[in-house]
Amino acid sequence: MALFLAFLSIFALTVGACHAALPADVYWNSVLPNTPIPSAIRHVIRSGVFVDDMDSVCAFFRYAATQSQIQDPSVTVFFLEKDLHPGANMTFHFTRTTTGATLLARELADSIPFSSAKLPEILSRLSIAPDSVQAETMKKILLECEEPAIDGEIRYCATSVESMVDFSTSSLGTRNVEALSTTVDRKAPPKQVYTISKVQKLPTSKLVVCHSENYAYAVFHCHTACAEAYKVSMVGKDGTKVEAVAACHTDTDGFNPEHVAFKVLNVKPGTVPICQFQPQNDIVWSPNTLSISPLEMVV
C-alpha cells in the first residue's frame, strides 16, 4: 500500500509538471488569485492531510451521539450563539493528528473509481486488504458520500483540490471567495479554558463547508450550508492562540434530535441556533465581502 501510494504521488507530480493538470497550489492561484490558500489546504499540499479528532462529531447532524461524546462535551466544539462574544470563556480540546494521505492531481484522481459498488476494484488497485480496518473506513466514507442530501443542500465528495475549488466556487456562484480554516499556534495544546478576544461576523449566510476525510488519499466531503459564519480569536490559559472559524446553524428542524450537539447543550432541534468551531482540517468557503462588523475587546 505504501509503495503503491508513493508511486501515485510521484505519478501525480509528473502529470502536473508535464500535462494540463496543474499542481494543486498552482491551480488554486490561477483560479483564485485573490484568495489566500487556507492552512488546511497548505498542509494537504505540502505534508499530507491533518485530521482533527473532533471532525467526526461535527461534520454531519444526522448521527446520534455516542456515550463518550456525551461524557466529555469539550471535544465536540458545540456551543450556543448567545455565548459567542468577547470575554466569553469556553473549554475545548483542539487536537490534530496526521494521516499522511497522498494528494492526487485531478487527472489521476478522476481515473480511480469512487463508488461503493466498485470498492473491490478500488481496494485491488490500491493494494488494500479487503478485510482491513482501512478498507472498512473507506467503505463507510463512500457510503456517506452517496447518501442523499437534505432539502436545500448540495453535497459532493471532491477527490482533488482542483475539484473542491470548482465545486465551491460554482455552488457560491462566484470566484471572489474567502476560504477559511481554524488555526492553532501550538501542535498539541491541552484541553483548557479559552477566552474569546474578538468576534467578526461574515455578512453572508451562504456557505460551502468541506471536511477532509480519512480515505486512502486526500478526499474532501463538501456541502452547501445556510449558516451564520464567524471569525473568532481566542487565547488559551497556557497562552495558545487560536484563530477559529465558527458556523451557527439557524435551521435545525431536520437534524437528528439524538445528535451530540442537542445532548450536550440540552436543547431541541428548531429552537435555537447551534454553533460549532470547525476543526483545523475543514475549509469554510463564503463569498468575499469587504464589510465585516467586528466586536472587539482586550482581554
Protein backbone atom coordinates (compact mmCIF):
# COMPACT_ATOMS: atom_id res chain seq x y z
CA MET A 1 0.00 0.00 0.00
CA ALA A 2 2.74 2.47 0.97
CA LEU A 3 4.76 1.71 -2.15
CA PHE A 4 1.69 1.99 -4.37
CA LEU A 5 0.70 5.36 -2.93
CA ALA A 6 4.28 6.56 -3.25
CA PHE A 7 4.02 5.65 -6.93
CA LEU A 8 0.73 7.56 -7.17
CA SER A 9 2.33 10.62 -5.59
CA ILE A 10 5.28 10.56 -7.99
CA PHE A 11 2.94 9.98 -10.93
CA ALA A 12 0.74 12.87 -9.84
CA LEU A 13 3.68 15.23 -9.71
CA THR A 14 4.83 14.05 -13.14
CA VAL A 15 1.38 14.64 -14.61
CA GLY A 16 1.28 18.10 -13.06
CA ALA A 17 4.66 19.03 -14.50
CA CYS A 18 4.18 17.59 -18.00
CA HIS A 19 0.46 17.76 -18.67
CA ALA A 20 -2.51 20.08 -18.50
CA ALA A 21 -3.35 19.01 -14.93
CA LEU A 22 -1.72 21.61 -12.71
CA PRO A 23 -0.36 21.06 -9.18
CA ALA A 24 -2.98 21.96 -6.61
CA ASP A 25 -1.39 25.20 -5.42
CA VAL A 26 -0.74 26.41 -8.98
CA TYR A 27 -4.34 25.63 -9.94
CA TRP A 28 -5.61 27.39 -6.82
CA ASN A 29 -3.64 30.54 -7.59
CA SER A 30 -4.70 30.54 -11.24
CA VAL A 31 -8.43 30.28 -10.39
CA LEU A 32 -8.41 32.20 -7.08
CA PRO A 33 -5.58 34.74 -7.38
CA ASN A 34 -7.08 36.97 -4.67
CA THR A 35 -7.88 34.17 -2.19
CA PRO A 36 -5.06 33.09 0.15
CA ILE A 37 -4.69 29.33 0.49
CA PRO A 38 -6.00 28.38 3.97
CA SER A 39 -3.79 26.43 6.35
CA ALA A 40 -5.89 23.27 5.94
CA ILE A 41 -5.05 23.18 2.22
CA ARG A 42 -1.41 24.16 2.69
CA HIS A 43 -1.00 21.11 4.95
CA VAL A 44 -2.57 18.83 2.33
CA ILE A 45 -0.42 20.23 -0.48
CA ARG A 46 2.86 20.11 1.37
CA SER A 47 2.76 17.50 4.11
CA GLY A 48 -0.27 15.23 3.97
CA VAL A 49 -3.76 15.55 5.38
CA PHE A 50 -4.23 16.55 9.00
CA VAL A 51 -7.37 15.17 10.60
CA ASP A 52 -8.96 16.53 13.75
CA ASP A 53 -10.15 14.07 16.37
CA MET A 54 -13.23 16.31 16.66
CA ASP A 55 -14.16 16.12 12.98
CA SER A 56 -16.44 13.09 13.14
CA VAL A 57 -18.74 14.66 15.72
CA CYS A 58 -19.34 17.94 13.95
CA ALA A 59 -19.36 17.17 10.23
CA PHE A 60 -22.95 15.92 9.99
CA PHE A 61 -26.07 16.37 12.11
CA ARG A 62 -27.75 13.12 11.08
CA TYR A 63 -25.94 10.83 13.52
CA ALA A 64 -26.79 10.09 17.15
CA ALA A 65 -24.36 10.87 19.95
CA THR A 66 -22.04 8.27 21.41
CA GLN A 67 -21.64 7.86 25.16
CA SER A 68 -18.03 9.10 25.08
CA GLN A 69 -19.10 12.33 23.36
CA ILE A 70 -21.75 12.98 25.99
CA GLN A 71 -19.31 12.27 28.84
CA ASP A 72 -16.71 14.75 27.51
CA PRO A 73 -18.52 17.66 25.82
CA SER A 74 -15.25 19.60 25.42
CA VAL A 75 -14.31 17.50 22.37
CA THR A 76 -17.50 18.36 20.50
CA VAL A 77 -16.81 22.10 19.89
CA PHE A 78 -20.55 22.90 20.04
CA PHE A 79 -22.00 25.96 21.77
CA LEU A 80 -24.92 28.38 21.61
CA GLU A 81 -24.76 31.56 19.53
CA LYS A 82 -25.63 33.71 22.55
CA ASP A 83 -22.36 32.61 24.15
CA LEU A 84 -20.24 33.82 21.22
CA HIS A 85 -18.97 37.21 22.37
CA PRO A 86 -15.72 38.83 23.52
CA GLY A 87 -14.84 37.89 27.08
CA ALA A 88 -16.66 34.55 26.98
CA ASN A 89 -14.81 31.50 28.34
CA MET A 90 -15.14 28.08 26.73
CA THR A 91 -13.39 24.79 27.44
CA PHE A 92 -12.17 22.92 24.36
CA HIS A 93 -9.50 20.48 23.28
CA PHE A 94 -8.10 21.40 19.86
CA THR A 95 -6.27 18.29 18.68
CA ARG A 96 -4.89 17.19 15.35
CA THR A 97 -3.13 14.09 14.01
CA THR A 98 -1.67 13.39 10.57
CA THR A 99 -2.83 10.61 8.25
CA GLY A 100 -0.11 11.12 5.63
CA ALA A 101 -2.76 10.88 2.90
CA THR A 102 -1.48 11.32 -0.64
CA LEU A 103 -2.71 14.33 -2.60
CA LEU A 104 -3.54 13.33 -6.17
CA ALA A 105 -3.72 15.58 -9.21
CA ARG A 106 -7.24 15.70 -10.62
CA GLU A 107 -6.36 13.75 -13.76
CA LEU A 108 -5.11 10.81 -11.70
CA ALA A 109 -7.87 11.04 -9.06
CA ASP A 110 -10.53 11.02 -11.78
CA SER A 111 -9.06 7.82 -13.21
CA ILE A 112 -9.71 5.87 -9.98
CA PRO A 113 -13.29 4.70 -9.28
CA PHE A 114 -15.00 6.36 -6.34
CA SER A 115 -18.10 4.30 -5.67
CA SER A 116 -19.14 1.77 -3.03
CA ALA A 117 -20.26 -0.53 -5.85
CA LYS A 118 -16.69 -0.62 -7.10
CA LEU A 119 -15.00 -0.97 -3.72
CA PRO A 120 -13.39 -4.36 -4.58
CA GLU A 121 -11.80 -2.81 -7.67
CA ILE A 122 -10.64 0.22 -5.67
CA LEU A 123 -9.06 -1.93 -2.97
CA SER A 124 -7.34 -4.07 -5.58
CA ARG A 125 -5.92 -1.07 -7.43
CA LEU A 126 -4.65 0.47 -4.19
CA SER A 127 -3.34 -2.86 -2.83
CA ILE A 128 -5.52 -2.66 0.31
CA ALA A 129 -6.64 -5.87 2.02
CA PRO A 130 -10.45 -6.24 1.79
CA ASP A 131 -10.70 -7.32 5.45
CA SER A 132 -8.55 -4.46 6.79
CA VAL A 133 -9.64 -1.58 9.03
CA GLN A 134 -8.70 0.84 6.26
CA ALA A 135 -10.98 -0.94 3.80
CA GLU A 136 -13.89 -0.68 6.27
CA THR A 137 -13.17 3.04 6.77
CA MET A 138 -13.12 3.61 3.02
CA LYS A 139 -16.42 1.77 2.61
CA LYS A 140 -18.02 3.98 5.26
CA ILE A 141 -16.76 7.15 3.56
CA LEU A 142 -18.01 6.03 0.15
CA LEU A 143 -21.46 5.24 1.57
CA GLU A 144 -21.60 8.64 3.31
CA CYS A 145 -20.67 10.34 0.04
CA GLU A 146 -23.55 8.54 -1.66
CA GLU A 147 -26.19 9.45 0.92
CA PRO A 148 -28.88 11.81 -0.42
CA ALA A 149 -28.61 15.45 0.53
CA ILE A 150 -31.11 17.02 2.88
CA ASP A 151 -33.61 19.51 1.44
CA GLY A 152 -31.89 22.58 0.03
CA GLU A 153 -28.40 21.12 0.37
CA ILE A 154 -25.90 20.24 -2.35
CA ARG A 155 -23.25 17.64 -1.49
CA TYR A 156 -20.13 16.50 -3.29
CA CYS A 157 -17.06 14.45 -2.39
CA ALA A 158 -14.05 16.01 -4.08
CA THR A 159 -11.07 13.76 -4.73
CA SER A 160 -8.69 16.61 -5.52
CA VAL A 161 -8.11 20.20 -4.51
CA GLU A 162 -8.96 21.25 -8.06
CA SER A 163 -12.40 19.64 -7.96
CA MET A 164 -13.06 21.09 -4.49
CA VAL A 165 -12.25 24.59 -5.80
CA ASP A 166 -14.58 24.09 -8.77
CA PHE A 167 -17.46 22.76 -6.65
CA SER A 168 -17.17 25.51 -4.03
CA THR A 169 -16.97 28.40 -6.48
CA SER A 170 -19.79 27.07 -8.68
CA SER A 171 -22.03 26.49 -5.63
CA LEU A 172 -21.40 30.05 -4.42
CA GLY A 173 -21.76 31.48 -7.92
CA THR A 174 -18.51 33.42 -7.79
CA ARG A 175 -14.74 33.05 -7.78
CA ASN A 176 -14.47 36.06 -5.49
CA VAL A 177 -14.44 33.97 -2.32
CA GLU A 178 -12.90 33.58 1.10
CA ALA A 179 -11.57 30.16 2.10
CA LEU A 180 -11.17 29.96 5.87
CA SER A 181 -9.88 27.34 8.28
CA THR A 182 -9.20 27.21 12.01
CA THR A 183 -5.56 27.65 13.01
CA VAL A 184 -3.89 26.87 16.34
CA ASP A 185 -0.38 28.16 17.02
CA ARG A 186 0.68 25.07 19.01
CA LYS A 187 0.71 21.48 17.79
CA ALA A 188 -0.72 19.78 20.86
CA PRO A 189 -2.32 22.18 23.33
CA PRO A 190 -4.07 20.59 26.32
CA LYS A 191 -7.77 20.71 27.00
CA GLN A 192 -8.21 24.06 28.63
CA VAL A 193 -10.28 27.22 29.00
CA TYR A 194 -10.10 29.65 26.06
CA THR A 195 -11.11 33.28 26.35
CA ILE A 196 -12.60 34.97 23.28
CA SER A 197 -10.96 38.29 22.42
CA LYS A 198 -12.57 39.15 19.09
CA VAL A 199 -15.59 38.07 17.04
CA GLN A 200 -16.13 39.00 13.40
CA LYS A 201 -19.39 38.05 11.73
CA LEU A 202 -19.31 37.44 8.00
CA PRO A 203 -22.24 39.29 6.36
CA THR A 204 -23.41 36.25 4.41
CA SER A 205 -25.17 33.02 5.31
CA LYS A 206 -24.35 31.27 2.03
CA LEU A 207 -21.50 28.86 2.73
CA VAL A 208 -19.77 25.76 1.47
CA VAL A 209 -18.06 23.61 4.10
CA CYS A 210 -15.50 20.96 3.12
CA HIS A 211 -14.37 18.26 5.56
CA SER A 212 -11.17 16.27 5.00
CA GLU A 213 -11.88 12.53 5.04
CA ASN A 214 -9.59 9.75 6.28
CA TYR A 215 -9.53 7.99 2.90
CA ALA A 216 -6.61 6.23 1.17
CA TYR A 217 -5.78 9.55 -0.49
CA ALA A 218 -6.98 13.11 0.04
CA VAL A 219 -10.78 13.39 -0.21
CA PHE A 220 -12.96 16.34 0.84
CA HIS A 221 -16.64 15.92 1.74
CA CYS A 222 -18.21 19.25 0.77
CA HIS A 223 -21.74 20.53 1.22
CA THR A 224 -23.61 23.80 0.97
CA ALA A 225 -24.93 25.29 4.20
CA CYS A 226 -27.11 28.17 5.29
CA ALA A 227 -25.49 29.35 8.50
CA GLU A 228 -24.08 32.41 10.17
CA ALA A 229 -20.27 32.35 9.98
CA TYR A 230 -17.80 33.98 12.35
CA LYS A 231 -14.07 34.51 12.66
CA VAL A 232 -13.17 34.11 16.34
CA SER A 233 -9.89 34.99 18.04
CA MET A 234 -9.23 33.34 21.40
CA VAL A 235 -6.39 32.68 23.81
CA GLY A 236 -5.96 29.59 25.97
CA LYS A 237 -5.00 29.57 29.61
CA ASP A 238 -1.47 28.45 28.61
CA GLY A 239 -1.17 31.21 26.01
CA THR A 240 -2.18 29.14 22.98
CA LYS A 241 -3.63 31.42 20.31
CA VAL A 242 -6.48 30.19 18.14
CA GLU A 243 -7.98 31.85 15.08
CA ALA A 244 -11.15 29.82 14.76
CA VAL A 245 -13.92 29.63 12.20
CA ALA A 246 -17.37 29.13 13.68
CA ALA A 247 -20.62 28.28 11.93
CA CYS A 248 -24.01 28.73 13.58
CA HIS A 249 -26.83 26.67 12.07
CA THR A 250 -30.09 28.56 12.30
CA ASP A 251 -32.39 25.96 10.70
CA THR A 252 -32.03 22.75 12.71
CA ASP A 253 -35.53 21.32 12.29
CA GLY A 254 -34.28 18.42 10.17
CA PHE A 255 -31.36 17.47 12.41
CA ASN A 256 -31.26 14.26 14.43
CA PRO A 257 -32.58 15.08 17.94
CA GLU A 258 -30.16 12.47 19.31
CA HIS A 259 -27.15 14.27 17.85
CA VAL A 260 -24.44 15.13 20.35
CA ALA A 261 -25.00 18.89 19.93
CA PHE A 262 -28.51 18.69 21.38
CA LYS A 263 -27.40 16.32 24.13
CA VAL A 264 -24.53 18.45 25.45
CA LEU A 265 -26.36 21.77 25.02
CA ASN A 266 -29.67 20.45 26.39
CA VAL A 267 -31.78 21.99 23.60
CA LYS A 268 -34.11 20.60 20.93
CA PRO A 269 -33.92 20.88 17.12
CA GLY A 270 -35.54 24.00 15.71
CA THR A 271 -35.38 26.03 18.93
CA VAL A 272 -32.08 27.96 18.94
CA PRO A 273 -29.07 28.27 16.61
CA ILE A 274 -26.44 25.57 17.12
CA CYS A 275 -22.83 26.71 16.69
CA GLN A 276 -19.62 24.78 16.21
CA PHE A 277 -15.96 25.58 15.77
CA GLN A 278 -14.68 23.99 12.59
CA PRO A 279 -11.79 21.55 13.02
CA GLN A 280 -8.40 22.57 11.67
CA ASN A 281 -8.68 20.40 8.57
CA ASP A 282 -12.05 21.86 7.46
CA ILE A 283 -12.42 24.67 4.94
CA VAL A 284 -15.31 27.13 5.07
CA TRP A 285 -16.00 28.94 1.80
CA SER A 286 -18.03 32.14 1.53
CA PRO A 287 -18.47 34.96 -0.99
CA ASN A 288 -15.83 37.60 -0.35
CA THR A 289 -17.21 40.83 1.07
CA LEU A 290 -15.50 43.94 2.33
CA SER A 291 -17.86 44.76 5.21
CA ILE A 292 -17.26 42.72 8.33
CA SER A 293 -18.54 44.08 11.62
CA PRO A 294 -16.03 43.48 14.44
CA LEU A 295 -16.86 43.11 18.10
CA GLU A 296 -13.60 43.59 19.94
CA MET A 297 -12.29 43.92 23.44
CA VAL A 298 -8.89 43.50 25.03
CA VAL A 299 -8.65 40.58 27.47
